[in-house]
């Protein structure tokens, strides 16, 4: 099971690193955040920070039968925030940037790159 979740965790950590680059406007030419060496890769520091957060607020002991309400509450809160953000983002795109769902699909049919996604082929 541990080997099965390693790719998922690595994708999440890579997304955190890319999001940090976008937010801080760091390009690939920045010397400090060069990922060519282990100690200069920012994702390693994010991993350490997330591990410390999990140890402090989630798993304080190694009893496998113990429930970790703090960690579960943090994950649930994050999921609710993401759900609300995605819903508002989708509503904004569909009803503010376009004139409803019909307009979104008609624009998709007009575009040469997305028109094949709108057709059913048997």
PDB file of N, CA and C in Angstrom:
ATOM      1  N   UNK A   1       0.823  -1.180   0.000  1.00  0.00           N
ATOM      2  CA  UNK A   1       0.000   0.000   0.000  1.00  0.00           C
ATOM      3  C   UNK A   1       0.873   1.252   0.000  1.00  0.00           C
ATOM      4  N   UNK A   2       1.984   1.217   0.720  1.00  0.00           N
ATOM      5  CA  UNK A   2       2.872   2.376   0.766  1.00  0.00           C
ATOM      6  C   UNK A   2       3.425   2.674  -0.624  1.00  0.00           C
ATOM      7  N   UNK A   3       3.830   1.624  -1.353  1.00  0.00           N
ATOM      8  CA  UNK A   3       4.365   1.833  -2.695  1.00  0.00           C
ATOM      9  C   UNK A   3       3.291   2.340  -3.648  1.00  0.00           C
ATOM     10  N   UNK A   4       2.043   2.043  -3.388  1.00  0.00           N
ATOM     11  CA  UNK A   4       0.956   2.512  -4.247  1.00  0.00           C
ATOM     12  C   UNK A   4       0.671   3.989  -4.102  1.00  0.00           C
ATOM     13  N   UNK A   5       0.925   4.566  -2.913  1.00  0.00           N
ATOM     14  CA  UNK A   5       0.624   5.983  -2.725  1.00  0.00           C
ATOM     15  C   UNK A   5       1.824   6.884  -2.980  1.00  0.00           C
ATOM     16  N   UNK A   6       3.005   6.321  -3.172  1.00  0.00           N
ATOM     17  CA  UNK A   6       4.192   7.151  -3.417  1.00  0.00           C
ATOM     18  C   UNK A   6       4.043   8.013  -4.676  1.00  0.00           C
ATOM     19  N   UNK A   7       3.555   7.491  -5.820  1.00  0.00           N
ATOM     20  CA  UNK A   7       3.389   8.382  -6.977  1.00  0.00           C
ATOM     21  C   UNK A   7       2.401   9.521  -6.715  1.00  0.00           C
ATOM     22  N   UNK A   8       1.317   9.243  -5.999  1.00  0.00           N
ATOM     23  CA  UNK A   8       0.344  10.284  -5.685  1.00  0.00           C
ATOM     24  C   UNK A   8       0.975  11.359  -4.810  1.00  0.00           C
ATOM     25  N   UNK A   9       1.723  10.954  -3.803  1.00  0.00           N
ATOM     26  CA  UNK A   9       2.377  11.920  -2.921  1.00  0.00           C
ATOM     27  C   UNK A   9       3.394  12.748  -3.697  1.00  0.00           C
ATOM     28  N   UNK A  10       4.153  12.111  -4.591  1.00  0.00           N
ATOM     29  CA  UNK A  10       5.156  12.858  -5.355  1.00  0.00           C
ATOM     30  C   UNK A  10       4.506  13.870  -6.285  1.00  0.00           C
ATOM     31  N   UNK A  11       3.373  13.528  -6.878  1.00  0.00           N
ATOM     32  CA  UNK A  11       2.658  14.492  -7.732  1.00  0.00           C
ATOM     33  C   UNK A  11       2.157  15.665  -6.900  1.00  0.00           C
ATOM     34  N   UNK A  12       1.655  15.390  -5.699  1.00  0.00           N
ATOM     35  CA  UNK A  12       1.181  16.474  -4.836  1.00  0.00           C
ATOM     36  C   UNK A  12       2.332  17.391  -4.431  1.00  0.00           C
ATOM     37  N   UNK A  13       3.485  16.816  -4.101  1.00  0.00           N
ATOM     38  CA  UNK A  13       4.636  17.626  -3.715  1.00  0.00           C
ATOM     39  C   UNK A  13       5.157  18.444  -4.897  1.00  0.00           C
ATOM     40  N   UNK A  14       5.142  17.867  -6.079  1.00  0.00           N
ATOM     41  CA  UNK A  14       5.553  18.610  -7.274  1.00  0.00           C
ATOM     42  C   UNK A  14       4.596  19.769  -7.532  1.00  0.00           C
ATOM     43  N   UNK A  15       3.301  19.554  -7.325  1.00  0.00           N
ATOM     44  CA  UNK A  15       2.320  20.626  -7.498  1.00  0.00           C
ATOM     45  C   UNK A  15       2.548  21.747  -6.487  1.00  0.00           C
ATOM     46  N   UNK A  16       2.920  21.395  -5.267  1.00  0.00           N
ATOM     47  CA  UNK A  16       3.226  22.422  -4.263  1.00  0.00           C
ATOM     48  C   UNK A  16       4.423  23.241  -4.712  1.00  0.00           C
ATOM     49  N   UNK A  17       5.453  22.591  -5.231  1.00  0.00           N
ATOM     50  CA  UNK A  17       6.630  23.304  -5.709  1.00  0.00           C
ATOM     51  C   UNK A  17       6.320  24.237  -6.871  1.00  0.00           C
ATOM     52  N   UNK A  18       5.528  23.753  -7.836  1.00  0.00           N
ATOM     53  CA  UNK A  18       5.160  24.598  -8.969  1.00  0.00           C
ATOM     54  C   UNK A  18       4.263  25.759  -8.529  1.00  0.00           C
ATOM     55  N   UNK A  19       3.352  25.494  -7.610  1.00  0.00           N
ATOM     56  CA  UNK A  19       2.495  26.573  -7.098  1.00  0.00           C
ATOM     57  C   UNK A  19       3.320  27.635  -6.387  1.00  0.00           C
ATOM     58  N   UNK A  20       4.314  27.206  -5.640  1.00  0.00           N
ATOM     59  CA  UNK A  20       5.202  28.158  -4.976  1.00  0.00           C
ATOM     60  C   UNK A  20       5.942  29.009  -6.001  1.00  0.00           C
ATOM     61  N   UNK A  21       6.396  28.388  -7.082  1.00  0.00           N
ATOM     62  CA  UNK A  21       7.072  29.132  -8.143  1.00  0.00           C
ATOM     63  C   UNK A  21       6.145  30.167  -8.780  1.00  0.00           C
ATOM     64  N   UNK A  22       4.902  29.789  -9.005  1.00  0.00           N
ATOM     65  CA  UNK A  22       3.950  30.705  -9.622  1.00  0.00           C
ATOM     66  C   UNK A  22       3.628  31.858  -8.685  1.00  0.00           C
ATOM     67  N   UNK A  23       3.387  31.558  -7.415  1.00  0.00           N
ATOM     68  CA  UNK A  23       3.019  32.598  -6.457  1.00  0.00           C
ATOM     69  C   UNK A  23       4.167  33.571  -6.230  1.00  0.00           C
ATOM     70  N   UNK A  24       5.381  33.067  -6.112  1.00  0.00           N
ATOM     71  CA  UNK A  24       6.533  33.928  -5.830  1.00  0.00           C
ATOM     72  C   UNK A  24       7.205  34.441  -7.091  1.00  0.00           C
ATOM     73  N   UNK A  25       6.712  34.029  -8.268  1.00  0.00           N
ATOM     74  CA  UNK A  25       7.233  34.475  -9.561  1.00  0.00           C
ATOM     75  C   UNK A  25       8.703  34.110  -9.721  1.00  0.00           C
ATOM     76  N   UNK A  26       9.088  32.930  -9.244  1.00  0.00           N
ATOM     77  CA  UNK A  26      10.446  32.435  -9.426  1.00  0.00           C
ATOM     78  C   UNK A  26      10.514  31.634 -10.711  1.00  0.00           C
ATOM     79  N   UNK A  27      11.460  31.930 -11.533  1.00  0.00           N
ATOM     80  CA  UNK A  27      11.642  31.186 -12.765  1.00  0.00           C
ATOM     81  C   UNK A  27      12.605  30.034 -12.567  1.00  0.00           C
ATOM     82  N   UNK A  28      12.903  29.351 -13.637  1.00  0.00           N
ATOM     83  CA  UNK A  28      13.834  28.232 -13.549  1.00  0.00           C
ATOM     84  C   UNK A  28      15.278  28.708 -13.494  1.00  0.00           C
ATOM     85  N   UNK A  29      15.524  30.009 -13.740  1.00  0.00           N
ATOM     86  CA  UNK A  29      16.890  30.516 -13.722  1.00  0.00           C
ATOM     87  C   UNK A  29      17.344  30.933 -12.332  1.00  0.00           C
ATOM     88  N   UNK A  30      16.489  30.800 -11.326  1.00  0.00           N
ATOM     89  CA  UNK A  30      16.865  31.163  -9.963  1.00  0.00           C
ATOM     90  C   UNK A  30      17.880  30.146  -9.435  1.00  0.00           C
ATOM     91  N   UNK A  31      18.961  30.638  -8.851  1.00  0.00           N
ATOM     92  CA  UNK A  31      20.062  29.770  -8.441  1.00  0.00           C
ATOM     93  C   UNK A  31      19.739  29.012  -7.162  1.00  0.00           C
ATOM     94  N   UNK A  32      19.100  29.674  -6.171  1.00  0.00           N
ATOM     95  CA  UNK A  32      18.867  29.021  -4.891  1.00  0.00           C
ATOM     96  C   UNK A  32      17.902  27.851  -5.008  1.00  0.00           C
ATOM     97  N   UNK A  33      16.862  27.997  -5.802  1.00  0.00           N
ATOM     98  CA  UNK A  33      15.843  26.952  -5.888  1.00  0.00           C
ATOM     99  C   UNK A  33      16.122  25.977  -7.021  1.00  0.00           C
ATOM    100  N   UNK A  34      17.373  25.844  -7.393  1.00  0.00           N
ATOM    101  CA  UNK A  34      17.749  24.887  -8.425  1.00  0.00           C
ATOM    102  C   UNK A  34      17.517  23.476  -7.891  1.00  0.00           C
ATOM    103  N   UNK A  35      16.820  22.656  -8.651  1.00  0.00           N
ATOM    104  CA  UNK A  35      16.490  21.307  -8.183  1.00  0.00           C
ATOM    105  C   UNK A  35      17.515  20.274  -8.638  1.00  0.00           C
ATOM    106  N   UNK A  36      18.694  20.721  -9.058  1.00  0.00           N
ATOM    107  CA  UNK A  36      19.690  19.769  -9.537  1.00  0.00           C
ATOM    108  C   UNK A  36      20.377  19.027  -8.393  1.00  0.00           C
ATOM    109  N   UNK A  37      20.354  19.579  -7.195  1.00  0.00           N
ATOM    110  CA  UNK A  37      20.959  18.896  -6.061  1.00  0.00           C
ATOM    111  C   UNK A  37      19.933  18.735  -4.950  1.00  0.00           C
ATOM    112  N   UNK A  38      20.172  17.766  -4.093  1.00  0.00           N
ATOM    113  CA  UNK A  38      19.189  17.396  -3.077  1.00  0.00           C
ATOM    114  C   UNK A  38      18.910  18.533  -2.105  1.00  0.00           C
ATOM    115  N   UNK A  39      19.931  19.198  -1.604  1.00  0.00           N
ATOM    116  CA  UNK A  39      19.727  20.206  -0.580  1.00  0.00           C
ATOM    117  C   UNK A  39      19.206  21.527  -1.142  1.00  0.00           C
ATOM    118  N   UNK A  40      19.199  21.691  -2.453  1.00  0.00           N
ATOM    119  CA  UNK A  40      18.713  22.935  -3.054  1.00  0.00           C
ATOM    120  C   UNK A  40      17.293  22.796  -3.605  1.00  0.00           C
ATOM    121  N   UNK A  41      16.714  21.627  -3.539  1.00  0.00           N
ATOM    122  CA  UNK A  41      15.371  21.414  -4.067  1.00  0.00           C
ATOM    123  C   UNK A  41      14.338  21.867  -3.042  1.00  0.00           C
ATOM    124  N   UNK A  42      13.482  22.814  -3.414  1.00  0.00           N
ATOM    125  CA  UNK A  42      12.503  23.378  -2.484  1.00  0.00           C
ATOM    126  C   UNK A  42      11.467  22.363  -2.036  1.00  0.00           C
ATOM    127  N   UNK A  43      11.186  21.363  -2.859  1.00  0.00           N
ATOM    128  CA  UNK A  43      10.181  20.365  -2.507  1.00  0.00           C
ATOM    129  C   UNK A  43      10.624  19.571  -1.281  1.00  0.00           C
ATOM    130  N   UNK A  44      11.910  19.370  -1.109  1.00  0.00           N
ATOM    131  CA  UNK A  44      12.393  18.673   0.086  1.00  0.00           C
ATOM    132  C   UNK A  44      12.056  19.459   1.349  1.00  0.00           C
ATOM    133  N   UNK A  45      12.182  20.769   1.301  1.00  0.00           N
ATOM    134  CA  UNK A  45      11.850  21.600   2.458  1.00  0.00           C
ATOM    135  C   UNK A  45      10.348  21.604   2.732  1.00  0.00           C
ATOM    136  N   UNK A  46       9.543  21.608   1.660  1.00  0.00           N
ATOM    137  CA  UNK A  46       8.096  21.514   1.850  1.00  0.00           C
ATOM    138  C   UNK A  46       7.712  20.170   2.456  1.00  0.00           C
ATOM    139  N   UNK A  47       8.397  19.116   2.047  1.00  0.00           N
ATOM    140  CA  UNK A  47       8.128  17.786   2.594  1.00  0.00           C
ATOM    141  C   UNK A  47       8.446  17.736   4.085  1.00  0.00           C
ATOM    142  N   UNK A  48       9.568  18.317   4.470  1.00  0.00           N
ATOM    143  CA  UNK A  48       9.929  18.365   5.888  1.00  0.00           C
ATOM    144  C   UNK A  48       8.900  19.177   6.669  1.00  0.00           C
ATOM    145  N   UNK A  49       8.484  20.317   6.117  1.00  0.00           N
ATOM    146  CA  UNK A  49       7.496  21.165   6.786  1.00  0.00           C
ATOM    147  C   UNK A  49       6.160  20.438   6.949  1.00  0.00           C
ATOM    148  N   UNK A  50       5.713  19.745   5.907  1.00  0.00           N
ATOM    149  CA  UNK A  50       4.458  19.006   5.998  1.00  0.00           C
ATOM    150  C   UNK A  50       4.569  17.828   6.973  1.00  0.00           C
ATOM    151  N   UNK A  51       5.725  17.196   7.027  1.00  0.00           N
ATOM    152  CA  UNK A  51       5.927  16.093   7.977  1.00  0.00           C
ATOM    153  C   UNK A  51       5.869  16.595   9.415  1.00  0.00           C
ATOM    154  N   UNK A  52       6.506  17.736   9.675  1.00  0.00           N
ATOM    155  CA  UNK A  52       6.464  18.315  11.024  1.00  0.00           C
ATOM    156  C   UNK A  52       5.035  18.695  11.386  1.00  0.00           C
ATOM    157  N   UNK A  53       4.285  19.275  10.423  1.00  0.00           N
ATOM    158  CA  UNK A  53       2.876  19.615  10.677  1.00  0.00           C
ATOM    159  C   UNK A  53       2.077  18.364  11.035  1.00  0.00           C
ATOM    160  N   UNK A  54       2.305  17.284  10.303  1.00  0.00           N
ATOM    161  CA  UNK A  54       1.575  16.043  10.574  1.00  0.00           C
ATOM    162  C   UNK A  54       1.938  15.471  11.933  1.00  0.00           C
ATOM    163  N   UNK A  55       3.206  15.544  12.295  1.00  0.00           N
ATOM    164  CA  UNK A  55       3.633  15.026  13.598  1.00  0.00           C
ATOM    165  C   UNK A  55       3.039  15.861  14.730  1.00  0.00           C
ATOM    166  N   UNK A  56       3.050  17.179  14.576  1.00  0.00           N
ATOM    167  CA  UNK A  56       2.556  18.049  15.644  1.00  0.00           C
ATOM    168  C   UNK A  56       1.043  17.989  15.817  1.00  0.00           C
ATOM    169  N   UNK A  57       0.307  17.939  14.709  1.00  0.00           N
ATOM    170  CA  UNK A  57      -1.150  18.045  14.807  1.00  0.00           C
ATOM    171  C   UNK A  57      -1.892  16.748  14.533  1.00  0.00           C
ATOM    172  N   UNK A  58      -1.218  15.720  14.098  1.00  0.00           N
ATOM    173  CA  UNK A  58      -1.928  14.503  13.747  1.00  0.00           C
ATOM    174  C   UNK A  58      -1.498  13.297  14.533  1.00  0.00           C
ATOM    175  N   UNK A  59      -0.341  12.797  14.247  1.00  0.00           N
ATOM    176  CA  UNK A  59       0.099  11.537  14.826  1.00  0.00           C
ATOM    177  C   UNK A  59       1.089  11.795  15.947  1.00  0.00           C
ATOM    178  N   UNK A  60       0.583  11.932  17.137  1.00  0.00           N
ATOM    179  CA  UNK A  60       1.450  12.187  18.291  1.00  0.00           C
ATOM    180  C   UNK A  60       1.973  10.903  18.922  1.00  0.00           C
ATOM    181  N   UNK A  61       1.316   9.794  18.673  1.00  0.00           N
ATOM    182  CA  UNK A  61       1.789   8.516  19.194  1.00  0.00           C
ATOM    183  C   UNK A  61       1.673   7.477  18.089  1.00  0.00           C
ATOM    184  N   UNK A  62       2.278   6.332  18.300  1.00  0.00           N
ATOM    185  CA  UNK A  62       2.323   5.304  17.273  1.00  0.00           C
ATOM    186  C   UNK A  62       1.320   4.184  17.503  1.00  0.00           C
ATOM    187  N   UNK A  63       0.280   4.434  18.242  1.00  0.00           N
ATOM    188  CA  UNK A  63      -0.738   3.429  18.469  1.00  0.00           C
ATOM    189  C   UNK A  63      -1.613   3.318  17.216  1.00  0.00           C
ATOM    190  N   UNK A  64      -1.623   2.159  16.548  1.00  0.00           N
ATOM    191  CA  UNK A  64      -2.389   2.055  15.298  1.00  0.00           C
ATOM    192  C   UNK A  64      -3.896   2.095  15.506  1.00  0.00           C
ATOM    193  N   UNK A  65      -4.365   1.870  16.715  1.00  0.00           N
ATOM    194  CA  UNK A  65      -5.801   1.894  16.984  1.00  0.00           C
ATOM    195  C   UNK A  65      -6.293   3.284  17.374  1.00  0.00           C
ATOM    196  N   UNK A  66      -5.383   4.226  17.538  1.00  0.00           N
ATOM    197  CA  UNK A  66      -5.766   5.578  17.942  1.00  0.00           C
ATOM    198  C   UNK A  66      -6.325   6.343  16.757  1.00  0.00           C
ATOM    199  N   UNK A  67      -7.338   7.118  17.009  1.00  0.00           N
ATOM    200  CA  UNK A  67      -7.928   7.964  15.969  1.00  0.00           C
ATOM    201  C   UNK A  67      -7.266   9.330  16.014  1.00  0.00           C
ATOM    202  N   UNK A  68      -7.038   9.902  14.847  1.00  0.00           N
ATOM    203  CA  UNK A  68      -6.372  11.192  14.734  1.00  0.00           C
ATOM    204  C   UNK A  68      -7.380  12.230  14.256  1.00  0.00           C
ATOM    205  N   UNK A  69      -8.183  12.737  15.192  1.00  0.00           N
ATOM    206  CA  UNK A  69      -9.252  13.667  14.846  1.00  0.00           C
ATOM    207  C   UNK A  69      -8.721  14.985  14.291  1.00  0.00           C
ATOM    208  N   UNK A  70      -7.585  15.461  14.795  1.00  0.00           N
ATOM    209  CA  UNK A  70      -7.032  16.722  14.324  1.00  0.00           C
ATOM    210  C   UNK A  70      -6.624  16.672  12.866  1.00  0.00           C
ATOM    211  N   UNK A  71      -5.945  15.608  12.483  1.00  0.00           N
ATOM    212  CA  UNK A  71      -5.514  15.448  11.095  1.00  0.00           C
ATOM    213  C   UNK A  71      -6.712  15.232  10.184  1.00  0.00           C
ATOM    214  N   UNK A  72      -7.675  14.465  10.621  1.00  0.00           N
ATOM    215  CA  UNK A  72      -8.879  14.226   9.822  1.00  0.00           C
ATOM    216  C   UNK A  72      -9.665  15.522   9.655  1.00  0.00           C
ATOM    217  N   UNK A  73      -9.756  16.324  10.705  1.00  0.00           N
ATOM    218  CA  UNK A  73     -10.459  17.602  10.610  1.00  0.00           C
ATOM    219  C   UNK A  73      -9.744  18.553   9.665  1.00  0.00           C
ATOM    220  N   UNK A  74      -8.417  18.572   9.681  1.00  0.00           N
ATOM    221  CA  UNK A  74      -7.666  19.440   8.776  1.00  0.00           C
ATOM    222  C   UNK A  74      -7.872  19.018   7.325  1.00  0.00           C
ATOM    223  N   UNK A  75      -7.864  17.729   7.045  1.00  0.00           N
ATOM    224  CA  UNK A  75      -8.078  17.238   5.686  1.00  0.00           C
ATOM    225  C   UNK A  75      -9.507  17.526   5.234  1.00  0.00           C
ATOM    226  N   UNK A  76     -10.475  17.338   6.123  1.00  0.00           N
ATOM    227  CA  UNK A  76     -11.873  17.619   5.780  1.00  0.00           C
ATOM    228  C   UNK A  76     -12.084  19.097   5.493  1.00  0.00           C
ATOM    229  N   UNK A  77     -11.496  19.965   6.300  1.00  0.00           N
ATOM    230  CA  UNK A  77     -11.624  21.408   6.079  1.00  0.00           C
ATOM    231  C   UNK A  77     -10.990  21.805   4.751  1.00  0.00           C
ATOM    232  N   UNK A  78      -9.823  21.254   4.457  1.00  0.00           N
ATOM    233  CA  UNK A  78      -9.155  21.543   3.185  1.00  0.00           C
ATOM    234  C   UNK A  78     -10.012  21.079   2.009  1.00  0.00           C
ATOM    235  N   UNK A  79     -10.629  19.925   2.128  1.00  0.00           N
ATOM    236  CA  UNK A  79     -11.469  19.401   1.053  1.00  0.00           C
ATOM    237  C   UNK A  79     -12.690  20.279   0.821  1.00  0.00           C
ATOM    238  N   UNK A  80     -13.283  20.766   1.894  1.00  0.00           N
ATOM    239  CA  UNK A  80     -14.446  21.647   1.763  1.00  0.00           C
ATOM    240  C   UNK A  80     -14.040  22.962   1.102  1.00  0.00           C
ATOM    241  N   UNK A  81     -12.903  23.517   1.494  1.00  0.00           N
ATOM    242  CA  UNK A  81     -12.425  24.763   0.882  1.00  0.00           C
ATOM    243  C   UNK A  81     -12.153  24.557  -0.605  1.00  0.00           C
ATOM    244  N   UNK A  82     -11.527  23.430  -0.973  1.00  0.00           N
ATOM    245  CA  UNK A  82     -11.268  23.137  -2.381  1.00  0.00           C
ATOM    246  C   UNK A  82     -12.565  22.973  -3.161  1.00  0.00           C
ATOM    247  N   UNK A  83     -13.534  22.277  -2.588  1.00  0.00           N
ATOM    248  CA  UNK A  83     -14.806  22.070  -3.261  1.00  0.00           C
ATOM    249  C   UNK A  83     -15.506  23.398  -3.530  1.00  0.00           C
ATOM    250  N   UNK A  84     -15.539  24.262  -2.535  1.00  0.00           N
ATOM    251  CA  UNK A  84     -16.177  25.570  -2.702  1.00  0.00           C
ATOM    252  C   UNK A  84     -15.426  26.404  -3.739  1.00  0.00           C
ATOM    253  N   UNK A  85     -14.088  26.374  -3.714  1.00  0.00           N
ATOM    254  CA  UNK A  85     -13.299  27.138  -4.692  1.00  0.00           C
ATOM    255  C   UNK A  85     -13.543  26.633  -6.104  1.00  0.00           C
ATOM    256  N   UNK A  86     -13.573  25.308  -6.289  1.00  0.00           N
ATOM    257  CA  UNK A  86     -13.829  24.769  -7.624  1.00  0.00           C
ATOM    258  C   UNK A  86     -15.237  25.093  -8.102  1.00  0.00           C
ATOM    259  N   UNK A  87     -16.222  25.036  -7.212  1.00  0.00           N
ATOM    260  CA  UNK A  87     -17.591  25.377  -7.603  1.00  0.00           C
ATOM    261  C   UNK A  87     -17.704  26.835  -8.025  1.00  0.00           C
ATOM    262  N   UNK A  88     -17.140  27.735  -7.228  1.00  0.00           N
ATOM    263  CA  UNK A  88     -17.187  29.151  -7.593  1.00  0.00           C
ATOM    264  C   UNK A  88     -16.391  29.429  -8.859  1.00  0.00           C
ATOM    265  N   UNK A  89     -15.253  28.749  -9.031  1.00  0.00           N
ATOM    266  CA  UNK A  89     -14.478  28.908 -10.263  1.00  0.00           C
ATOM    267  C   UNK A  89     -15.256  28.442 -11.475  1.00  0.00           C
ATOM    268  N   UNK A  90     -15.919  27.307 -11.362  1.00  0.00           N
ATOM    269  CA  UNK A  90     -16.728  26.791 -12.468  1.00  0.00           C
ATOM    270  C   UNK A  90     -17.908  27.686 -12.790  1.00  0.00           C
ATOM    271  N   UNK A  91     -18.589  28.179 -11.763  1.00  0.00           N
ATOM    272  CA  UNK A  91     -19.709  29.092 -11.981  1.00  0.00           C
ATOM    273  C   UNK A  91     -19.228  30.379 -12.637  1.00  0.00           C
ATOM    274  N   UNK A  92     -18.081  30.888 -12.207  1.00  0.00           N
ATOM    275  CA  UNK A  92     -17.518  32.103 -12.800  1.00  0.00           C
ATOM    276  C   UNK A  92     -17.208  31.894 -14.276  1.00  0.00           C
ATOM    277  N   UNK A  93     -16.570  30.772 -14.600  1.00  0.00           N
ATOM    278  CA  UNK A  93     -16.205  30.524 -15.989  1.00  0.00           C
ATOM    279  C   UNK A  93     -17.447  30.343 -16.857  1.00  0.00           C
ATOM    280  N   UNK A  94     -18.406  29.554 -16.388  1.00  0.00           N
ATOM    281  CA  UNK A  94     -19.572  29.240 -17.209  1.00  0.00           C
ATOM    282  C   UNK A  94     -20.494  30.443 -17.373  1.00  0.00           C
ATOM    283  N   UNK A  95     -20.739  31.206 -16.308  1.00  0.00           N
ATOM    284  CA  UNK A  95     -21.755  32.241 -16.376  1.00  0.00           C
ATOM    285  C   UNK A  95     -21.215  33.662 -16.481  1.00  0.00           C
ATOM    286  N   UNK A  96     -19.914  33.881 -16.234  1.00  0.00           N
ATOM    287  CA  UNK A  96     -19.354  35.220 -16.380  1.00  0.00           C
ATOM    288  C   UNK A  96     -18.519  35.306 -17.650  1.00  0.00           C
ATOM    289  N   UNK A  97     -17.616  34.372 -17.847  1.00  0.00           N
ATOM    290  CA  UNK A  97     -16.775  34.393 -19.042  1.00  0.00           C
ATOM    291  C   UNK A  97     -17.538  33.936 -20.286  1.00  0.00           C
ATOM    292  N   UNK A  98     -18.485  33.022 -20.104  1.00  0.00           N
ATOM    293  CA  UNK A  98     -19.335  32.554 -21.194  1.00  0.00           C
ATOM    294  C   UNK A  98     -20.777  32.846 -20.827  1.00  0.00           C
ATOM    295  N   UNK A  99     -21.691  32.612 -21.771  1.00  0.00           N
ATOM    296  CA  UNK A  99     -23.114  32.860 -21.529  1.00  0.00           C
ATOM    297  C   UNK A  99     -23.855  31.569 -21.229  1.00  0.00           C
ATOM    298  N   UNK A 100     -23.354  30.771 -20.326  1.00  0.00           N
ATOM    299  CA  UNK A 100     -24.010  29.535 -19.925  1.00  0.00           C
ATOM    300  C   UNK A 100     -23.326  28.316 -20.514  1.00  0.00           C
ATOM    301  N   UNK A 101     -23.879  27.143 -20.170  1.00  0.00           N
ATOM    302  CA  UNK A 101     -23.288  25.883 -20.605  1.00  0.00           C
ATOM    303  C   UNK A 101     -23.373  25.675 -22.107  1.00  0.00           C
ATOM    304  N   UNK A 102     -24.456  26.104 -22.704  1.00  0.00           N
ATOM    305  CA  UNK A 102     -24.594  25.962 -24.151  1.00  0.00           C
ATOM    306  C   UNK A 102     -23.516  26.724 -24.898  1.00  0.00           C
ATOM    307  N   UNK A 103     -23.179  27.899 -24.420  1.00  0.00           N
ATOM    308  CA  UNK A 103     -22.126  28.700 -25.041  1.00  0.00           C
ATOM    309  C   UNK A 103     -20.760  28.039 -24.877  1.00  0.00           C
ATOM    310  N   UNK A 104     -20.519  27.432 -23.725  1.00  0.00           N
ATOM    311  CA  UNK A 104     -19.247  26.732 -23.502  1.00  0.00           C
ATOM    312  C   UNK A 104     -19.090  25.597 -24.508  1.00  0.00           C
ATOM    313  N   UNK A 105     -20.140  24.794 -24.696  1.00  0.00           N
ATOM    314  CA  UNK A 105     -20.058  23.670 -25.618  1.00  0.00           C
ATOM    315  C   UNK A 105     -19.986  24.133 -27.068  1.00  0.00           C
ATOM    316  N   UNK A 106     -20.689  25.210 -27.423  1.00  0.00           N
ATOM    317  CA  UNK A 106     -20.603  25.697 -28.805  1.00  0.00           C
ATOM    318  C   UNK A 106     -19.210  26.252 -29.100  1.00  0.00           C
ATOM    319  N   UNK A 107     -18.588  26.942 -28.142  1.00  0.00           N
ATOM    320  CA  UNK A 107     -17.206  27.409 -28.328  1.00  0.00           C
ATOM    321  C   UNK A 107     -16.249  26.222 -28.425  1.00  0.00           C
ATOM    322  N   UNK A 108     -16.530  25.171 -27.684  1.00  0.00           N
ATOM    323  CA  UNK A 108     -15.708  23.966 -27.771  1.00  0.00           C
ATOM    324  C   UNK A 108     -15.818  23.291 -29.126  1.00  0.00           C
ATOM    325  N   UNK A 109     -17.001  23.314 -29.718  1.00  0.00           N
ATOM    326  CA  UNK A 109     -17.184  22.740 -31.058  1.00  0.00           C
ATOM    327  C   UNK A 109     -16.493  23.577 -32.121  1.00  0.00           C
ATOM    328  N   UNK A 110     -16.403  24.877 -31.926  1.00  0.00           N
ATOM    329  CA  UNK A 110     -15.762  25.754 -32.897  1.00  0.00           C
ATOM    330  C   UNK A 110     -14.243  25.639 -32.867  1.00  0.00           C
ATOM    331  N   UNK A 111     -13.675  25.260 -31.747  1.00  0.00           N
ATOM    332  CA  UNK A 111     -12.228  25.167 -31.611  1.00  0.00           C
ATOM    333  C   UNK A 111     -11.741  23.853 -32.208  1.00  0.00           C
ATOM    334  N   UNK A 112     -10.689  23.920 -33.023  1.00  0.00           N
ATOM    335  CA  UNK A 112     -10.201  22.714 -33.684  1.00  0.00           C
ATOM    336  C   UNK A 112      -9.551  21.724 -32.719  1.00  0.00           C
ATOM    337  N   UNK A 113      -9.044  22.199 -31.601  1.00  0.00           N
ATOM    338  CA  UNK A 113      -8.368  21.321 -30.647  1.00  0.00           C
ATOM    339  C   UNK A 113      -9.338  20.583 -29.732  1.00  0.00           C
ATOM    340  N   UNK A 114     -10.513  21.146 -29.497  1.00  0.00           N
ATOM    341  CA  UNK A 114     -11.458  20.522 -28.572  1.00  0.00           C
ATOM    342  C   UNK A 114     -12.705  19.976 -29.260  1.00  0.00           C
ATOM    343  N   UNK A 115     -12.855  20.204 -30.558  1.00  0.00           N
ATOM    344  CA  UNK A 115     -14.082  19.762 -31.229  1.00  0.00           C
ATOM    345  C   UNK A 115     -14.199  18.246 -31.250  1.00  0.00           C
ATOM    346  N   UNK A 116     -13.085  17.518 -31.320  1.00  0.00           N
ATOM    347  CA  UNK A 116     -13.161  16.051 -31.336  1.00  0.00           C
ATOM    348  C   UNK A 116     -13.633  15.489 -30.003  1.00  0.00           C
ATOM    349  N   UNK A 117     -13.520  16.273 -28.926  1.00  0.00           N
ATOM    350  CA  UNK A 117     -13.998  15.810 -27.620  1.00  0.00           C
ATOM    351  C   UNK A 117     -15.515  15.892 -27.507  1.00  0.00           C
ATOM    352  N   UNK A 118     -16.146  16.687 -28.383  1.00  0.00           N
ATOM    353  CA  UNK A 118     -17.585  16.903 -28.313  1.00  0.00           C
ATOM    354  C   UNK A 118     -18.364  15.942 -29.222  1.00  0.00           C
ATOM    355  N   UNK A 119     -17.677  15.086 -29.944  1.00  0.00           N
ATOM    356  CA  UNK A 119     -18.345  14.210 -30.880  1.00  0.00           C
ATOM    357  C   UNK A 119     -18.294  12.778 -30.384  1.00  0.00           C
ATOM    358  N   UNK A 120     -19.404  12.063 -30.589  1.00  0.00           N
ATOM    359  CA  UNK A 120     -19.453  10.644 -30.238  1.00  0.00           C
ATOM    360  C   UNK A 120     -19.142   9.841 -31.487  1.00  0.00           C
ATOM    361  N   UNK A 121     -18.103   9.052 -31.417  1.00  0.00           N
ATOM    362  CA  UNK A 121     -17.727   8.203 -32.557  1.00  0.00           C
ATOM    363  C   UNK A 121     -17.913   6.748 -32.155  1.00  0.00           C
ATOM    364  N   UNK A 122     -18.562   5.992 -33.034  1.00  0.00           N
ATOM    365  CA  UNK A 122     -18.796   4.579 -32.756  1.00  0.00           C
ATOM    366  C   UNK A 122     -17.918   3.688 -33.575  1.00  0.00           C
TER     367      UNK A 122
END
